[in-house]
Amino acid sequence: MEVLITETKDYELLATLNKEVQELHYTLYPDVFKPYSQEDVTSFFKEVLNQNSTKAFVAYSDKEIAGYILLFLKELPENPFQYSQRFILIDQMLVCDSYRKKGIGKLLLEKADEVAQEAGLKIIRLNHWTLNNDARNFFGKNGFSYFNEHMYKNI
């Protein structure tokens, strides 16, 4: 299996690939996430891919699309409580169902590592939703650890 990871600005392709991610989130948290809208998601990708702080990569396995990763370079200014921070944020990542457990996700994460190193950054962050156990297990196995946890209470 030959895998190629290539940078893309193809917002329509990313919007199509995002459908699986958005539908999973909507299924798990319908009070938080909207149903997938091709038009709205395409508009989102079109806007963010024009920003210098955004990079997207698509994974191809034997010339077939296998997944994608969306990265944001984040810069938080210093304030009275925290030092300034610069990091790569993995905003979205998908490995298509038929390509899971074949090393595609690991290669996408390695691309994020490469982007961070090229930018002189030492930190990559991400978040995942609590009920997404696949994400929890995958990211944990690939060196990510928790540093901040969010809680909520319905009233």
Protein backbone atom coordinates (compact mmCIF):
# COMPACT_ATOMS: atom_id res chain seq x y z
CA MET A 1 0.00 0.00 0.00
CA GLU A 2 1.53 3.29 -1.12
CA VAL A 3 0.38 6.32 0.88
CA LEU A 4 0.87 9.92 -0.23
CA ILE A 5 0.08 12.90 2.00
CA THR A 6 -0.34 16.10 0.00
CA GLU A 7 -1.28 19.66 0.93
CA THR A 8 -4.56 20.85 -0.52
CA LYS A 9 -6.63 24.00 -0.94
CA ASP A 10 -9.50 22.00 -2.46
CA TYR A 11 -12.27 23.25 -0.19
CA GLU A 12 -14.94 21.24 -2.02
CA LEU A 13 -13.06 17.97 -1.48
CA LEU A 14 -12.54 18.74 2.21
CA ALA A 15 -16.19 19.66 2.64
CA THR A 16 -17.18 16.31 1.15
CA LEU A 17 -14.74 14.42 3.38
CA ASN A 18 -15.97 16.35 6.43
CA LYS A 19 -19.43 14.81 6.10
CA GLU A 20 -18.43 11.68 8.04
CA VAL A 21 -16.89 13.76 10.85
CA GLN A 22 -19.84 16.14 11.11
CA GLU A 23 -22.41 13.36 11.05
CA LEU A 24 -20.58 11.50 13.85
CA HIS A 25 -20.49 14.63 15.99
CA TYR A 26 -24.15 15.37 15.27
CA THR A 27 -25.10 11.80 16.22
CA LEU A 28 -23.16 11.96 19.49
CA TYR A 29 -24.13 15.53 20.44
CA PRO A 30 -27.24 16.69 18.53
CA ASP A 31 -27.75 19.60 20.93
CA VAL A 32 -24.29 20.97 20.07
CA PHE A 33 -23.61 20.05 16.45
CA LYS A 34 -25.68 20.94 13.42
CA PRO A 35 -26.64 18.41 10.76
CA TYR A 36 -24.15 18.32 7.90
CA SER A 37 -24.73 21.00 5.25
CA GLN A 38 -22.59 20.71 2.12
CA GLU A 39 -23.10 24.40 1.32
CA ASP A 40 -22.20 25.68 4.80
CA VAL A 41 -19.21 23.38 5.23
CA THR A 42 -17.89 24.25 1.76
CA SER A 43 -18.14 27.93 2.65
CA PHE A 44 -16.24 27.30 5.90
CA PHE A 45 -13.37 25.51 4.16
CA LYS A 46 -13.23 28.10 1.40
CA GLU A 47 -12.78 30.85 4.00
CA VAL A 48 -10.26 29.15 6.30
CA LEU A 49 -8.05 27.80 3.51
CA ASN A 50 -7.38 31.37 2.39
CA GLN A 51 -5.75 32.16 5.73
CA ASN A 52 -1.98 31.82 6.09
CA SER A 53 -2.46 30.20 9.49
CA THR A 54 -4.36 27.22 8.01
CA LYS A 55 -3.02 24.10 6.33
CA ALA A 56 -4.91 21.06 5.11
CA PHE A 57 -3.55 17.73 3.91
CA VAL A 58 -5.21 14.81 2.19
CA ALA A 59 -4.00 11.22 2.46
CA TYR A 60 -4.14 9.04 -0.64
CA SER A 61 -3.71 5.29 -0.44
CA ASP A 62 -2.93 3.78 -3.83
CA LYS A 63 -4.37 6.97 -5.37
CA GLU A 64 -7.67 6.65 -3.46
CA ILE A 65 -8.64 9.28 -0.88
CA ALA A 66 -8.08 7.85 2.59
CA GLY A 67 -8.46 10.85 4.91
CA TYR A 68 -7.52 14.41 5.77
CA ILE A 69 -6.23 16.66 8.51
CA LEU A 70 -6.93 20.37 9.07
CA LEU A 71 -4.33 22.37 11.01
CA PHE A 72 -4.39 25.89 12.43
CA LEU A 73 -1.34 27.80 13.62
CA LYS A 74 -2.49 29.42 16.85
CA GLU A 75 -0.88 32.33 18.66
CA LEU A 76 -2.19 33.38 22.06
CA PRO A 77 -0.82 36.62 23.51
CA GLU A 78 0.68 36.83 26.96
CA ASN A 79 -1.64 38.06 29.66
CA PRO A 80 -1.35 38.53 33.43
CA PHE A 81 -2.02 34.82 33.98
CA GLN A 82 -0.25 32.98 31.16
CA TYR A 83 2.77 33.32 28.93
CA SER A 84 2.21 33.73 25.21
CA GLN A 85 1.67 30.47 23.38
CA ARG A 86 2.26 29.30 19.83
CA PHE A 87 1.13 25.86 18.72
CA ILE A 88 -0.44 23.84 15.95
CA LEU A 89 -4.08 22.95 16.57
CA ILE A 90 -5.42 19.85 14.90
CA ASP A 91 -8.93 21.12 14.27
CA GLN A 92 -10.20 18.17 12.25
CA MET A 93 -8.95 14.77 11.26
CA LEU A 94 -10.60 11.91 9.45
CA VAL A 95 -9.46 8.53 8.27
CA CYS A 96 -12.12 7.08 6.00
CA ASP A 97 -13.72 4.00 7.49
CA SER A 98 -12.27 1.53 4.98
CA TYR A 99 -8.71 2.81 5.65
CA ARG A 100 -8.70 2.69 9.43
CA LYS A 101 -6.09 0.63 11.26
CA LYS A 102 -3.73 0.80 8.26
CA GLY A 103 -1.39 3.54 9.48
CA ILE A 104 -3.05 6.44 7.64
CA GLY A 105 -3.88 8.34 10.83
CA LYS A 106 -0.34 7.99 12.11
CA LEU A 107 0.98 9.40 8.83
CA LEU A 108 -1.39 12.37 9.06
CA LEU A 109 -0.17 13.05 12.59
CA GLU A 110 3.42 12.83 11.37
CA LYS A 111 2.56 15.51 8.80
CA ALA A 112 1.29 17.71 11.64
CA ASP A 113 4.61 17.11 13.45
CA GLU A 114 6.46 18.17 10.30
CA VAL A 115 4.41 21.37 9.93
CA ALA A 116 5.04 22.23 13.59
CA GLN A 117 8.77 21.65 13.26
CA GLU A 118 8.96 23.77 10.09
CA ALA A 119 7.22 26.59 11.99
CA GLY A 120 9.64 26.23 14.91
CA LEU A 121 6.89 24.98 17.23
CA LYS A 122 7.19 22.31 19.88
CA ILE A 123 3.53 21.77 20.73
CA ILE A 124 0.58 20.28 18.88
CA ARG A 125 -2.83 20.44 20.51
CA LEU A 126 -6.17 18.90 19.74
CA ASN A 127 -9.42 18.15 21.44
CA HIS A 128 -11.98 15.44 21.02
CA TRP A 129 -15.45 14.85 22.35
CA THR A 130 -15.74 12.61 25.38
CA LEU A 131 -18.02 10.03 23.75
CA ASN A 132 -15.63 9.60 20.80
CA ASN A 133 -13.72 6.66 22.27
CA ASP A 134 -12.01 5.86 18.98
CA ALA A 135 -10.41 9.32 18.99
CA ARG A 136 -9.48 9.04 22.67
CA ASN A 137 -7.71 5.72 22.12
CA PHE A 138 -6.04 6.69 18.85
CA PHE A 139 -4.60 9.99 20.07
CA GLY A 140 -3.49 8.45 23.37
CA LYS A 141 -1.60 5.71 21.50
CA ASN A 142 0.08 8.39 19.39
CA GLY A 143 1.63 10.36 22.23
CA PHE A 144 -1.07 12.89 23.15
CA SER A 145 -1.93 13.42 26.79
CA TYR A 146 -4.52 15.47 28.63
CA PHE A 147 -3.65 18.86 30.10
CA ASN A 148 -7.05 20.54 30.47
CA GLU A 149 -10.51 19.07 30.83
CA HIS A 150 -13.84 20.80 30.32
CA MET A 151 -16.95 20.02 32.32
CA TYR A 152 -20.54 21.16 32.07
CA LYS A 153 -23.78 21.01 33.97
CA ASN A 154 -27.26 21.20 32.50
CA ILE A 155 -29.66 23.42 34.41
